Amino acid sequence: MIRLGFAVRTVQQPGLAGGAPLHLSVLLTQLGDLLSYLERRAIRFYRFAAPRHITPADLADCATQLALLSQRLSTQQIRLGLHLDPHLNLSHPDDRVAAETISTIEMATHLLVALDQPNTITHTLVIHAGAGDAEALLRLTRRWSALSAPARRRTTIEHNSSGPSLRLLLTLAARIGIPIVFDYLHFHLHNPDRWSLPLALGLSLATWPRDVRPEVHLSSQRSEAHLLPGRNGTTRVLPPRPGQHADFIVAQDALDLLAASRGLPPFDLMLEAKAGDLALLRLRHDLHRYAPEWEACVQ
């Protein structure tokens, strides 16, 4: 079974979730409200936006909320995810940014551990690779070893649409043991080794430990233009940027990825579409219409 997920915004029900709140207690209250919505829609995977700065005191103050949410998440079998700002990465040339990255990863880990069940790893964190030159990868390796063991067990790295190729990241993963999050759109934008989709997906899934379910990202590239109203009734056409995410998932993109996954280990699929939950519901409808054979294993 592949669990479909969406990130942050509930477009179908505005105001239920949004950007990162100012305090952890507000986030946990929002998550509690959101779980009811996810249950009604049978959605089992959600990426939330955490406050930028969480302290041990915040976690202690919210211990009761965290325990209650942890139980609800377990009962509803919901996986949570976090995604760091791409600016925060372990290969950054500025040591101050790297220190902030490490601190953010550690506090995010404490939060995810508190929301998980004891001795299990369901909720995970995604970071970007950053630059792909040899010095950057050495910095990433050195700083990865500086993370605590719990942080290393929950932190994963996503290959980008630029920077290190997937092949280089897989080599790094084999050396330091960091799981690779396969991204469908990034792979099509940056595949210098000309690998096939099944090969790239399979090698990425193989980097994950057996006790942690892999995460895969799916988005379609935006093709439509923005129409910007100007003065005197004029309209300016703004073409889409290369690599810009579309509002919805193109059904054929999803079918290509699913076809490539045949015979590979199961994974959860985060839909990185601007329409959030609406894009997820639309994809379910499209699968029912165009590929009903996938309905039973994609929820």
C-alpha atoms as a PDB file:
ATOM      1  CA  MET A   1       0.000   0.000   0.000  1.00  0.00           C
ATOM      2  CA  ILE A   2       1.324   3.435  -1.010  1.00  0.00           C
ATOM      3  CA  ARG A   3       0.145   6.276   1.214  1.00  0.00           C
ATOM      4  CA  LEU A   4      -0.411   9.517  -0.670  1.00  0.00           C
ATOM      5  CA  GLY A   5       0.485  12.692   1.207  1.00  0.00           C
ATOM      6  CA  PHE A   6       0.372  16.433   0.724  1.00  0.00           C
ATOM      7  CA  ALA A   7       2.269  19.370   2.133  1.00  0.00           C
ATOM      8  CA  VAL A   8       1.056  22.026   4.579  1.00  0.00           C
ATOM      9  CA  ARG A   9      -1.900  23.750   2.896  1.00  0.00           C
ATOM     10  CA  THR A  10      -5.450  22.415   3.013  1.00  0.00           C
ATOM     11  CA  VAL A  11      -6.904  24.133  -0.034  1.00  0.00           C
ATOM     12  CA  GLN A  12     -10.212  22.281   0.223  1.00  0.00           C
ATOM     13  CA  GLN A  13     -10.706  23.625   3.743  1.00  0.00           C
ATOM     14  CA  PRO A  14      -8.973  27.030   3.998  1.00  0.00           C
ATOM     15  CA  GLY A  15      -7.702  28.105   7.390  1.00  0.00           C
ATOM     16  CA  LEU A  16      -7.255  24.599   8.751  1.00  0.00           C
ATOM     17  CA  ALA A  17      -3.481  24.657   8.242  1.00  0.00           C
ATOM     18  CA  GLY A  18      -0.953  27.084   6.880  1.00  0.00           C
ATOM     19  CA  GLY A  19       2.571  28.354   7.346  1.00  0.00           C
ATOM     20  CA  ALA A  20       4.804  27.763  10.327  1.00  0.00           C
ATOM     21  CA  PRO A  21       3.136  29.073  13.518  1.00  0.00           C
ATOM     22  CA  LEU A  22       4.984  31.208  16.029  1.00  0.00           C
ATOM     23  CA  HIS A  23       4.869  28.688  18.862  1.00  0.00           C
ATOM     24  CA  LEU A  24       4.854  24.923  19.216  1.00  0.00           C
ATOM     25  CA  SER A  25       1.597  24.893  21.171  1.00  0.00           C
ATOM     26  CA  VAL A  26      -0.176  26.575  18.238  1.00  0.00           C
ATOM     27  CA  LEU A  27       1.262  24.010  15.811  1.00  0.00           C
ATOM     28  CA  LEU A  28       0.073  21.110  17.952  1.00  0.00           C
ATOM     29  CA  THR A  29      -3.415  22.603  18.227  1.00  0.00           C
ATOM     30  CA  GLN A  30      -3.525  22.983  14.435  1.00  0.00           C
ATOM     31  CA  LEU A  31      -2.345  19.408  13.975  1.00  0.00           C
ATOM     32  CA  GLY A  32      -5.050  18.163  16.295  1.00  0.00           C
ATOM     33  CA  ASP A  33      -7.713  19.902  14.194  1.00  0.00           C
ATOM     34  CA  LEU A  34      -6.093  18.652  10.998  1.00  0.00           C
ATOM     35  CA  LEU A  35      -6.137  15.005  12.087  1.00  0.00           C
ATOM     36  CA  SER A  36      -9.925  15.013  12.061  1.00  0.00           C
ATOM     37  CA  TYR A  37      -9.904  16.278   8.491  1.00  0.00           C
ATOM     38  CA  LEU A  38      -7.296  13.704   7.425  1.00  0.00           C
ATOM     39  CA  GLU A  39      -9.397  10.943   8.967  1.00  0.00           C
ATOM     40  CA  ARG A  40     -12.504  12.026   7.040  1.00  0.00           C
ATOM     41  CA  ARG A  41     -10.527  12.021   3.801  1.00  0.00           C
ATOM     42  CA  ALA A  42      -8.624   8.787   4.614  1.00  0.00           C
ATOM     43  CA  ILE A  43      -5.282  10.589   4.133  1.00  0.00           C
ATOM     44  CA  ARG A  44      -2.382   8.923   5.940  1.00  0.00           C
ATOM     45  CA  PHE A  45       0.621  11.125   5.113  1.00  0.00           C
ATOM     46  CA  TYR A  46       1.053  14.828   5.829  1.00  0.00           C
ATOM     47  CA  ARG A  47       3.960  17.282   5.818  1.00  0.00           C
ATOM     48  CA  PHE A  48       3.592  20.040   8.390  1.00  0.00           C
ATOM     49  CA  ALA A  49       5.382  23.333   8.861  1.00  0.00           C
ATOM     50  CA  ALA A  50       7.076  23.576  12.251  1.00  0.00           C
ATOM     51  CA  PRO A  51       8.111  26.757  14.055  1.00  0.00           C
ATOM     52  CA  ARG A  52      11.630  27.752  13.012  1.00  0.00           C
ATOM     53  CA  HIS A  53      12.952  27.808  16.568  1.00  0.00           C
ATOM     54  CA  ILE A  54      11.829  25.097  18.998  1.00  0.00           C
ATOM     55  CA  THR A  55      13.443  24.887  22.414  1.00  0.00           C
ATOM     56  CA  PRO A  56      13.623  22.062  24.968  1.00  0.00           C
ATOM     57  CA  ALA A  57      11.432  24.250  27.190  1.00  0.00           C
ATOM     58  CA  ASP A  58       8.774  24.357  24.453  1.00  0.00           C
ATOM     59  CA  LEU A  59       8.782  20.559  24.240  1.00  0.00           C
ATOM     60  CA  ALA A  60       8.507  20.243  28.022  1.00  0.00           C
ATOM     61  CA  ASP A  61       5.636  22.764  28.191  1.00  0.00           C
ATOM     62  CA  CYS A  62       3.753  20.868  25.457  1.00  0.00           C
ATOM     63  CA  ALA A  63       4.407  17.348  26.774  1.00  0.00           C
ATOM     64  CA  THR A  64       0.709  16.579  27.336  1.00  0.00           C
ATOM     65  CA  GLN A  65      -0.289  17.819  23.856  1.00  0.00           C
ATOM     66  CA  LEU A  66       2.522  15.811  22.290  1.00  0.00           C
ATOM     67  CA  ALA A  67       1.502  12.607  24.068  1.00  0.00           C
ATOM     68  CA  LEU A  68      -2.140  12.968  23.001  1.00  0.00           C
ATOM     69  CA  LEU A  69      -1.188  13.689  19.385  1.00  0.00           C
ATOM     70  CA  SER A  70       1.219  10.767  19.332  1.00  0.00           C
ATOM     71  CA  GLN A  71      -1.574   8.413  20.326  1.00  0.00           C
ATOM     72  CA  ARG A  72      -3.966   9.836  17.719  1.00  0.00           C
ATOM     73  CA  LEU A  73      -1.339   9.577  14.979  1.00  0.00           C
ATOM     74  CA  SER A  74      -0.708   5.957  15.879  1.00  0.00           C
ATOM     75  CA  THR A  75      -4.411   5.109  16.000  1.00  0.00           C
ATOM     76  CA  GLN A  76      -5.074   6.743  12.617  1.00  0.00           C
ATOM     77  CA  GLN A  77      -1.832   5.293  11.173  1.00  0.00           C
ATOM     78  CA  ILE A  78      -0.706   8.697   9.923  1.00  0.00           C
ATOM     79  CA  ARG A  79       2.861   9.497   8.943  1.00  0.00           C
ATOM     80  CA  LEU A  80       4.157  13.026   9.468  1.00  0.00           C
ATOM     81  CA  GLY A  81       7.013  14.635   7.617  1.00  0.00           C
ATOM     82  CA  LEU A  82       9.116  17.766   7.889  1.00  0.00           C
ATOM     83  CA  HIS A  83      11.127  19.464   5.155  1.00  0.00           C
ATOM     84  CA  LEU A  84      13.878  21.953   5.973  1.00  0.00           C
ATOM     85  CA  ASP A  85      14.257  25.156   3.979  1.00  0.00           C
ATOM     86  CA  PRO A  86      16.693  24.422   1.093  1.00  0.00           C
ATOM     87  CA  HIS A  87      18.917  27.217   2.464  1.00  0.00           C
ATOM     88  CA  LEU A  88      19.541  25.048   5.518  1.00  0.00           C
ATOM     89  CA  ASN A  89      21.823  22.239   4.408  1.00  0.00           C
ATOM     90  CA  LEU A  90      24.842  20.440   5.789  1.00  0.00           C
ATOM     91  CA  SER A  91      27.097  21.320   2.854  1.00  0.00           C
ATOM     92  CA  HIS A  92      26.680  25.098   3.191  1.00  0.00           C
ATOM     93  CA  PRO A  93      30.009  26.991   2.976  1.00  0.00           C
ATOM     94  CA  ASP A  94      29.027  29.287   5.863  1.00  0.00           C
ATOM     95  CA  ASP A  95      29.700  27.565   9.198  1.00  0.00           C
ATOM     96  CA  ARG A  96      27.015  29.682  10.869  1.00  0.00           C
ATOM     97  CA  VAL A  97      24.359  28.400   8.471  1.00  0.00           C
ATOM     98  CA  ALA A  98      25.645  24.858   8.966  1.00  0.00           C
ATOM     99  CA  ALA A  99      25.430  25.268  12.749  1.00  0.00           C
ATOM    100  CA  GLU A 100      21.857  26.531  12.402  1.00  0.00           C
ATOM    101  CA  THR A 101      21.076  23.548  10.175  1.00  0.00           C
ATOM    102  CA  ILE A 102      22.417  21.090  12.739  1.00  0.00           C
ATOM    103  CA  SER A 103      20.523  22.799  15.560  1.00  0.00           C
ATOM    104  CA  THR A 104      17.291  22.781  13.533  1.00  0.00           C
ATOM    105  CA  ILE A 105      17.698  19.094  12.661  1.00  0.00           C
ATOM    106  CA  GLU A 106      18.285  18.181  16.300  1.00  0.00           C
ATOM    107  CA  MET A 107      15.227  20.058  17.592  1.00  0.00           C
ATOM    108  CA  ALA A 108      13.063  18.710  14.749  1.00  0.00           C
ATOM    109  CA  THR A 109      14.232  15.228  15.728  1.00  0.00           C
ATOM    110  CA  HIS A 110      13.150  15.767  19.342  1.00  0.00           C
ATOM    111  CA  LEU A 111       9.730  16.870  18.072  1.00  0.00           C
ATOM    112  CA  LEU A 112       9.322  13.884  15.736  1.00  0.00           C
ATOM    113  CA  VAL A 113      10.419  11.452  18.447  1.00  0.00           C
ATOM    114  CA  ALA A 114       7.804  12.929  20.802  1.00  0.00           C
ATOM    115  CA  LEU A 115       5.120  12.485  18.132  1.00  0.00           C
ATOM    116  CA  ASP A 116       6.128   8.889  17.386  1.00  0.00           C
ATOM    117  CA  GLN A 117       5.535   5.719  19.323  1.00  0.00           C
ATOM    118  CA  PRO A 118       8.406   4.400  21.473  1.00  0.00           C
ATOM    119  CA  ASN A 119      11.116   2.526  19.585  1.00  0.00           C
ATOM    120  CA  THR A 120       9.563   3.224  16.178  1.00  0.00           C
ATOM    121  CA  ILE A 121      10.524   5.512  13.293  1.00  0.00           C
ATOM    122  CA  THR A 122       7.475   6.644  11.336  1.00  0.00           C
ATOM    123  CA  HIS A 123       7.925  10.426  11.123  1.00  0.00           C
ATOM    124  CA  THR A 124      11.014  11.636   9.228  1.00  0.00           C
ATOM    125  CA  LEU A 125      12.827  14.800   8.161  1.00  0.00           C
ATOM    126  CA  VAL A 126      14.012  15.773   4.663  1.00  0.00           C
ATOM    127  CA  ILE A 127      16.943  18.072   3.914  1.00  0.00           C
ATOM    128  CA  HIS A 128      18.426  19.205   0.597  1.00  0.00           C
ATOM    129  CA  ALA A 129      21.908  18.262  -0.585  1.00  0.00           C
ATOM    130  CA  GLY A 130      23.143  21.757  -1.428  1.00  0.00           C
ATOM    131  CA  ALA A 131      26.152  22.138  -3.705  1.00  0.00           C
ATOM    132  CA  GLY A 132      27.688  19.177  -5.484  1.00  0.00           C
ATOM    133  CA  ASP A 133      31.412  19.923  -5.647  1.00  0.00           C
ATOM    134  CA  ALA A 134      33.914  17.752  -3.798  1.00  0.00           C
ATOM    135  CA  GLU A 135      34.459  20.240  -0.960  1.00  0.00           C
ATOM    136  CA  ALA A 136      30.711  20.593  -0.369  1.00  0.00           C
ATOM    137  CA  LEU A 137      30.265  16.825  -0.148  1.00  0.00           C
ATOM    138  CA  LEU A 138      33.166  16.618   2.303  1.00  0.00           C
ATOM    139  CA  ARG A 139      31.500  19.280   4.470  1.00  0.00           C
ATOM    140  CA  LEU A 140      28.234  17.345   4.325  1.00  0.00           C
ATOM    141  CA  THR A 141      29.979  14.138   5.377  1.00  0.00           C
ATOM    142  CA  ARG A 142      31.784  15.821   8.279  1.00  0.00           C
ATOM    143  CA  ARG A 143      28.685  17.568   9.597  1.00  0.00           C
ATOM    144  CA  TRP A 144      26.537  14.460   9.207  1.00  0.00           C
ATOM    145  CA  SER A 145      28.829  12.696  11.661  1.00  0.00           C
ATOM    146  CA  ALA A 146      28.290  15.584  14.103  1.00  0.00           C
ATOM    147  CA  LEU A 147      24.555  14.844  14.337  1.00  0.00           C
ATOM    148  CA  SER A 148      23.241  12.772  17.206  1.00  0.00           C
ATOM    149  CA  ALA A 149      22.327   9.135  16.539  1.00  0.00           C
ATOM    150  CA  PRO A 150      18.541   9.815  16.792  1.00  0.00           C
ATOM    151  CA  ALA A 151      18.886  12.669  14.277  1.00  0.00           C
ATOM    152  CA  ARG A 152      20.803  10.478  11.836  1.00  0.00           C
ATOM    153  CA  ARG A 153      18.110   7.802  12.091  1.00  0.00           C
ATOM    154  CA  ARG A 154      15.334  10.223  11.085  1.00  0.00           C
ATOM    155  CA  THR A 155      17.080  12.567   8.640  1.00  0.00           C
ATOM    156  CA  THR A 156      16.979  11.904   4.900  1.00  0.00           C
ATOM    157  CA  ILE A 157      18.420  13.788   1.944  1.00  0.00           C
ATOM    158  CA  GLU A 158      16.672  14.735  -1.287  1.00  0.00           C
ATOM    159  CA  HIS A 159      18.498  15.042  -4.588  1.00  0.00           C
ATOM    160  CA  ASN A 160      18.021  18.395  -6.299  1.00  0.00           C
ATOM    161  CA  SER A 161      17.308  19.631  -9.806  1.00  0.00           C
ATOM    162  CA  SER A 162      20.913  20.903  -9.765  1.00  0.00           C
ATOM    163  CA  GLY A 163      24.008  20.238  -7.700  1.00  0.00           C
ATOM    164  CA  PRO A 164      25.189  16.677  -7.013  1.00  0.00           C
ATOM    165  CA  SER A 165      23.783  14.042  -9.326  1.00  0.00           C
ATOM    166  CA  LEU A 166      21.783  11.178  -7.934  1.00  0.00           C
ATOM    167  CA  ARG A 167      24.763   8.912  -8.611  1.00  0.00           C
ATOM    168  CA  LEU A 168      27.026  11.052  -6.411  1.00  0.00           C
ATOM    169  CA  LEU A 169      24.439  11.119  -3.619  1.00  0.00           C
ATOM    170  CA  LEU A 170      24.022   7.352  -3.802  1.00  0.00           C
ATOM    171  CA  THR A 171      27.787   6.977  -3.444  1.00  0.00           C
ATOM    172  CA  LEU A 172      27.615   9.265  -0.413  1.00  0.00           C
ATOM    173  CA  ALA A 173      24.666   7.298   0.992  1.00  0.00           C
ATOM    174  CA  ALA A 174      26.620   4.065   0.742  1.00  0.00           C
ATOM    175  CA  ARG A 175      29.497   5.632   2.685  1.00  0.00           C
ATOM    176  CA  ILE A 176      27.664   7.421   5.518  1.00  0.00           C
ATOM    177  CA  GLY A 177      24.277   5.664   5.566  1.00  0.00           C
ATOM    178  CA  ILE A 178      21.894   8.532   4.787  1.00  0.00           C
ATOM    179  CA  PRO A 179      18.637   7.550   3.015  1.00  0.00           C
ATOM    180  CA  ILE A 180      17.911   9.193  -0.337  1.00  0.00           C
ATOM    181  CA  VAL A 181      14.460  10.647  -1.047  1.00  0.00           C
ATOM    182  CA  PHE A 182      13.766  10.110  -4.734  1.00  0.00           C
ATOM    183  CA  ASP A 183      12.150  13.125  -6.428  1.00  0.00           C
ATOM    184  CA  TYR A 184      10.422  12.455  -9.763  1.00  0.00           C
ATOM    185  CA  LEU A 185      10.605  16.006 -11.123  1.00  0.00           C
ATOM    186  CA  HIS A 186      14.173  16.635  -9.969  1.00  0.00           C
ATOM    187  CA  PHE A 187      15.230  13.377 -11.616  1.00  0.00           C
ATOM    188  CA  HIS A 188      13.807  14.444 -14.973  1.00  0.00           C
ATOM    189  CA  LEU A 189      15.423  17.883 -14.680  1.00  0.00           C
ATOM    190  CA  HIS A 190      18.854  16.643 -13.596  1.00  0.00           C
ATOM    191  CA  ASN A 191      19.834  13.184 -14.789  1.00  0.00           C
ATOM    192  CA  PRO A 192      23.348  13.600 -16.235  1.00  0.00           C
ATOM    193  CA  ASP A 193      23.996   9.843 -16.075  1.00  0.00           C
ATOM    194  CA  ARG A 194      20.925   9.149 -18.226  1.00  0.00           C
ATOM    195  CA  TRP A 195      19.609   6.510 -15.858  1.00  0.00           C
ATOM    196  CA  SER A 196      16.227   4.933 -16.413  1.00  0.00           C
ATOM    197  CA  LEU A 197      13.430   5.799 -14.016  1.00  0.00           C
ATOM    198  CA  PRO A 198      13.106   2.251 -12.570  1.00  0.00           C
ATOM    199  CA  LEU A 199      16.878   2.070 -11.956  1.00  0.00           C
ATOM    200  CA  ALA A 200      17.053   5.469 -10.229  1.00  0.00           C
ATOM    201  CA  LEU A 201      13.988   4.787  -8.113  1.00  0.00           C
ATOM    202  CA  GLY A 202      15.138   1.306  -7.127  1.00  0.00           C
ATOM    203  CA  LEU A 203      18.637   2.432  -6.116  1.00  0.00           C
ATOM    204  CA  SER A 204      17.182   5.273  -4.031  1.00  0.00           C
ATOM    205  CA  LEU A 205      14.746   2.978  -2.215  1.00  0.00           C
ATOM    206  CA  ALA A 206      17.613   0.600  -1.438  1.00  0.00           C
ATOM    207  CA  THR A 207      19.338   3.271   0.689  1.00  0.00           C
ATOM    208  CA  TRP A 208      16.566   3.148   3.322  1.00  0.00           C
ATOM    209  CA  PRO A 209      16.882   0.932   6.405  1.00  0.00           C
ATOM    210  CA  ARG A 210      14.431  -1.932   6.639  1.00  0.00           C
ATOM    211  CA  ASP A 211      12.602  -0.483   9.658  1.00  0.00           C
ATOM    212  CA  VAL A 212      11.847   2.888   7.983  1.00  0.00           C
ATOM    213  CA  ARG A 213       9.381   3.165   5.109  1.00  0.00           C
ATOM    214  CA  PRO A 214      10.898   5.119   2.194  1.00  0.00           C
ATOM    215  CA  GLU A 215       9.541   8.486   1.079  1.00  0.00           C
ATOM    216  CA  VAL A 216       9.269   9.505  -2.577  1.00  0.00           C
ATOM    217  CA  HIS A 217       8.295  12.917  -3.989  1.00  0.00           C
ATOM    218  CA  LEU A 218       6.053  13.467  -6.992  1.00  0.00           C
ATOM    219  CA  SER A 219       5.283  16.741  -8.722  1.00  0.00           C
ATOM    220  CA  SER A 220       4.521  17.848 -12.258  1.00  0.00           C
ATOM    221  CA  GLN A 221       6.225  20.761 -13.941  1.00  0.00           C
ATOM    222  CA  ARG A 222       4.092  23.843 -14.376  1.00  0.00           C
ATOM    223  CA  SER A 223       3.264  24.539 -18.018  1.00  0.00           C
ATOM    224  CA  GLU A 224       0.676  27.308 -17.858  1.00  0.00           C
ATOM    225  CA  ALA A 225       1.512  31.007 -17.756  1.00  0.00           C
ATOM    226  CA  HIS A 226       0.621  33.581 -15.126  1.00  0.00           C
ATOM    227  CA  LEU A 227      -1.450  36.484 -16.383  1.00  0.00           C
ATOM    228  CA  LEU A 228      -0.484  39.673 -14.586  1.00  0.00           C
ATOM    229  CA  PRO A 229      -2.873  42.612 -14.993  1.00  0.00           C
ATOM    230  CA  GLY A 230      -1.124  45.854 -15.854  1.00  0.00           C
ATOM    231  CA  ARG A 231      -2.125  49.474 -16.274  1.00  0.00           C
ATOM    232  CA  ASN A 232      -4.740  50.661 -18.758  1.00  0.00           C
ATOM    233  CA  GLY A 233      -6.273  47.223 -19.066  1.00  0.00           C
ATOM    234  CA  THR A 234      -3.129  45.549 -20.371  1.00  0.00           C
ATOM    235  CA  THR A 235      -2.079  42.044 -19.351  1.00  0.00           C
ATOM    236  CA  ARG A 236       1.458  40.733 -19.114  1.00  0.00           C
ATOM    237  CA  VAL A 237       2.157  37.048 -19.698  1.00  0.00           C
ATOM    238  CA  LEU A 238       4.658  35.558 -17.270  1.00  0.00           C
ATOM    239  CA  PRO A 239       5.887  32.142 -18.496  1.00  0.00           C
ATOM    240  CA  PRO A 240       6.472  29.350 -15.991  1.00  0.00           C
ATOM    241  CA  ARG A 241       9.969  28.951 -14.586  1.00  0.00           C
ATOM    242  CA  PRO A 242      11.882  25.753 -15.381  1.00  0.00           C
ATOM    243  CA  GLY A 243      11.242  23.276 -12.580  1.00  0.00           C
ATOM    244  CA  GLN A 244       8.307  25.205 -11.145  1.00  0.00           C
ATOM    245  CA  HIS A 245       5.744  22.927  -9.506  1.00  0.00           C
ATOM    246  CA  ALA A 246       2.262  22.736 -10.995  1.00  0.00           C
ATOM    247  CA  ASP A 247      -0.928  23.130  -8.999  1.00  0.00           C
ATOM    248  CA  PHE A 248      -1.963  19.532  -9.700  1.00  0.00           C
ATOM    249  CA  ILE A 249      -0.332  16.224 -10.625  1.00  0.00           C
ATOM    250  CA  VAL A 250      -0.449  15.199 -14.264  1.00  0.00           C
ATOM    251  CA  ALA A 251      -1.964  11.724 -14.215  1.00  0.00           C
ATOM    252  CA  GLN A 252       0.618  10.361 -16.672  1.00  0.00           C
ATOM    253  CA  ASP A 253       3.473  11.451 -14.363  1.00  0.00           C
ATOM    254  CA  ALA A 254       1.921   9.436 -11.549  1.00  0.00           C
ATOM    255  CA  LEU A 255       1.364   6.428 -13.801  1.00  0.00           C
ATOM    256  CA  ASP A 256       4.966   6.534 -15.057  1.00  0.00           C
ATOM    257  CA  LEU A 257       6.267   6.539 -11.489  1.00  0.00           C
ATOM    258  CA  LEU A 258       3.926   3.749 -10.395  1.00  0.00           C
ATOM    259  CA  ALA A 259       4.889   1.630 -13.395  1.00  0.00           C
ATOM    260  CA  ALA A 260       8.571   2.125 -12.514  1.00  0.00           C
ATOM    261  CA  SER A 261       7.869   0.936  -8.960  1.00  0.00           C
ATOM    262  CA  ARG A 262       6.664  -2.542  -9.959  1.00  0.00           C
ATOM    263  CA  GLY A 263       8.637  -5.146  -8.052  1.00  0.00           C
ATOM    264  CA  LEU A 264      10.321  -2.556  -5.810  1.00  0.00           C
ATOM    265  CA  PRO A 265       9.850  -2.114  -2.037  1.00  0.00           C
ATOM    266  CA  PRO A 266       6.726  -0.182  -0.965  1.00  0.00           C
ATOM    267  CA  PHE A 267       7.012   3.522  -0.173  1.00  0.00           C
ATOM    268  CA  ASP A 268       4.957   6.582   0.739  1.00  0.00           C
ATOM    269  CA  LEU A 269       4.382   9.249  -1.897  1.00  0.00           C
ATOM    270  CA  MET A 270       4.464  12.955  -1.020  1.00  0.00           C
ATOM    271  CA  LEU A 271       2.673  15.047  -3.642  1.00  0.00           C
ATOM    272  CA  GLU A 272       4.459  18.387  -3.969  1.00  0.00           C
ATOM    273  CA  ALA A 273       1.644  20.199  -5.759  1.00  0.00           C
ATOM    274  CA  LYS A 274       0.567  23.735  -4.972  1.00  0.00           C
ATOM    275  CA  ALA A 275      -3.082  22.696  -4.627  1.00  0.00           C
ATOM    276  CA  GLY A 276      -2.215  20.578  -1.587  1.00  0.00           C
ATOM    277  CA  ASP A 277      -4.992  18.255  -0.480  1.00  0.00           C
ATOM    278  CA  LEU A 278      -7.071  19.158  -3.540  1.00  0.00           C
ATOM    279  CA  ALA A 279      -4.313  17.791  -5.771  1.00  0.00           C
ATOM    280  CA  LEU A 280      -4.295  14.545  -3.770  1.00  0.00           C
ATOM    281  CA  LEU A 281      -8.050  14.116  -4.087  1.00  0.00           C
ATOM    282  CA  ARG A 282      -7.852  14.872  -7.802  1.00  0.00           C
ATOM    283  CA  LEU A 283      -5.126  12.284  -8.313  1.00  0.00           C
ATOM    284  CA  ARG A 284      -7.257   9.664  -6.582  1.00  0.00           C
ATOM    285  CA  HIS A 285     -10.069  10.515  -8.978  1.00  0.00           C
ATOM    286  CA  ASP A 286      -7.716  10.302 -11.972  1.00  0.00           C
ATOM    287  CA  LEU A 287      -6.405   6.896 -10.894  1.00  0.00           C
ATOM    288  CA  HIS A 288      -9.968   5.641 -10.514  1.00  0.00           C
ATOM    289  CA  ARG A 289     -10.770   6.893 -14.005  1.00  0.00           C
ATOM    290  CA  TYR A 290      -7.621   6.048 -15.952  1.00  0.00           C
ATOM    291  CA  ALA A 291      -5.887   3.284 -13.975  1.00  0.00           C
ATOM    292  CA  PRO A 292      -8.311   1.471 -11.644  1.00  0.00           C
ATOM    293  CA  GLU A 293      -5.776  -1.344 -11.280  1.00  0.00           C
ATOM    294  CA  TRP A 294      -3.755   0.987  -9.008  1.00  0.00           C
ATOM    295  CA  GLU A 295      -6.662   1.987  -6.748  1.00  0.00           C
ATOM    296  CA  ALA A 296      -6.287  -0.921  -4.364  1.00  0.00           C
ATOM    297  CA  CYS A 297      -2.645  -0.150  -3.584  1.00  0.00           C
ATOM    298  CA  VAL A 298      -2.590   3.677  -3.703  1.00  0.00           C
ATOM    299  CA  GLN A 299      -4.543   5.487  -1.000  1.00  0.00           C
END
